[in-house]
Amino acid sequence: MSSAISYFTGGFLVSLLVVLNMTWNQRLPGLLGPGLIALSLAGLAACRFYAARNQPRQRDPRKA
């Protein structure tokens, strides 16, 4: 499962870079560029949140 999250995170990063490049070169009309940037950042944040939440927990050896 962690490799799938890595691929999703990489995909959102690549899409963010592509959208930023296309927005900078003015190839995306109107608010489409900023909307896609926000969508890419939201997807990236969701992947990071999911990966951080599902990390294995370490037990405190003093409590065992």
Protein backbone atom coordinates (compact mmCIF):
# COMPACT_ATOMS: atom_id res chain seq x y z
CA MET A 1 0.00 0.00 0.00
CA SER A 2 2.86 2.41 0.71
CA SER A 3 4.11 2.12 -2.86
CA ALA A 4 0.66 3.11 -4.13
CA ILE A 5 0.71 6.21 -1.93
CA SER A 6 4.19 7.02 -3.24
CA TYR A 7 2.94 6.79 -6.82
CA PHE A 8 -0.09 8.96 -6.02
CA THR A 9 2.11 11.54 -4.29
CA GLY A 10 4.50 11.59 -7.24
CA GLY A 11 1.60 11.92 -9.65
CA PHE A 12 0.19 14.91 -7.79
CA LEU A 13 3.64 16.52 -7.72
CA VAL A 14 4.09 16.03 -11.46
CA SER A 15 0.61 17.35 -12.18
CA LEU A 16 1.32 20.37 -9.97
CA LEU A 17 4.52 21.13 -11.88
CA VAL A 18 2.79 20.73 -15.25
CA VAL A 19 -0.12 22.96 -14.25
CA LEU A 20 2.23 25.59 -12.82
CA ASN A 21 4.21 25.57 -16.06
CA MET A 22 1.08 25.82 -18.21
CA THR A 23 -0.31 28.60 -16.01
CA TRP A 24 2.97 30.51 -16.14
CA ASN A 25 3.03 30.24 -19.96
CA GLN A 26 -0.65 31.37 -20.06
CA ARG A 27 -1.94 28.27 -21.82
CA LEU A 28 -4.77 27.65 -19.36
CA PRO A 29 -7.71 30.06 -19.73
CA GLY A 30 -9.28 32.00 -16.88
CA LEU A 31 -9.47 30.38 -13.49
CA LEU A 32 -8.73 26.88 -14.79
CA GLY A 33 -5.03 27.17 -13.87
CA PRO A 34 -5.52 28.26 -10.25
CA GLY A 35 -8.31 25.70 -9.86
CA LEU A 36 -6.09 22.87 -11.05
CA ILE A 37 -3.28 24.09 -8.82
CA ALA A 38 -5.62 23.98 -5.83
CA LEU A 39 -6.78 20.49 -6.82
CA SER A 40 -3.20 19.25 -7.13
CA LEU A 41 -2.26 20.72 -3.76
CA ALA A 42 -5.35 19.19 -2.14
CA GLY A 43 -4.48 15.77 -3.58
CA LEU A 44 -0.89 16.09 -2.43
CA ALA A 45 -2.01 17.08 1.07
CA ALA A 46 -4.45 14.16 1.17
CA CYS A 47 -1.68 11.72 0.23
CA ARG A 48 0.63 13.15 2.88
CA PHE A 49 -2.11 13.02 5.51
CA TYR A 50 -2.98 9.41 4.62
CA ALA A 51 0.68 8.34 4.70
CA ALA A 52 1.29 10.06 8.04
CA ARG A 53 -1.85 8.62 9.61
CA ASN A 54 -1.15 5.04 8.55
CA GLN A 55 2.43 4.77 9.75
CA PRO A 56 3.04 1.96 12.23
CA ARG A 57 3.04 3.07 15.84
CA GLN A 58 5.97 2.27 18.09
CA ARG A 59 5.27 1.13 21.60
CA ASP A 60 7.04 2.65 24.54
CA PRO A 61 9.31 -0.11 25.95
CA ARG A 62 8.96 1.30 29.47
CA LYS A 63 5.20 0.68 29.45
CA ALA A 64 5.47 -2.94 28.31
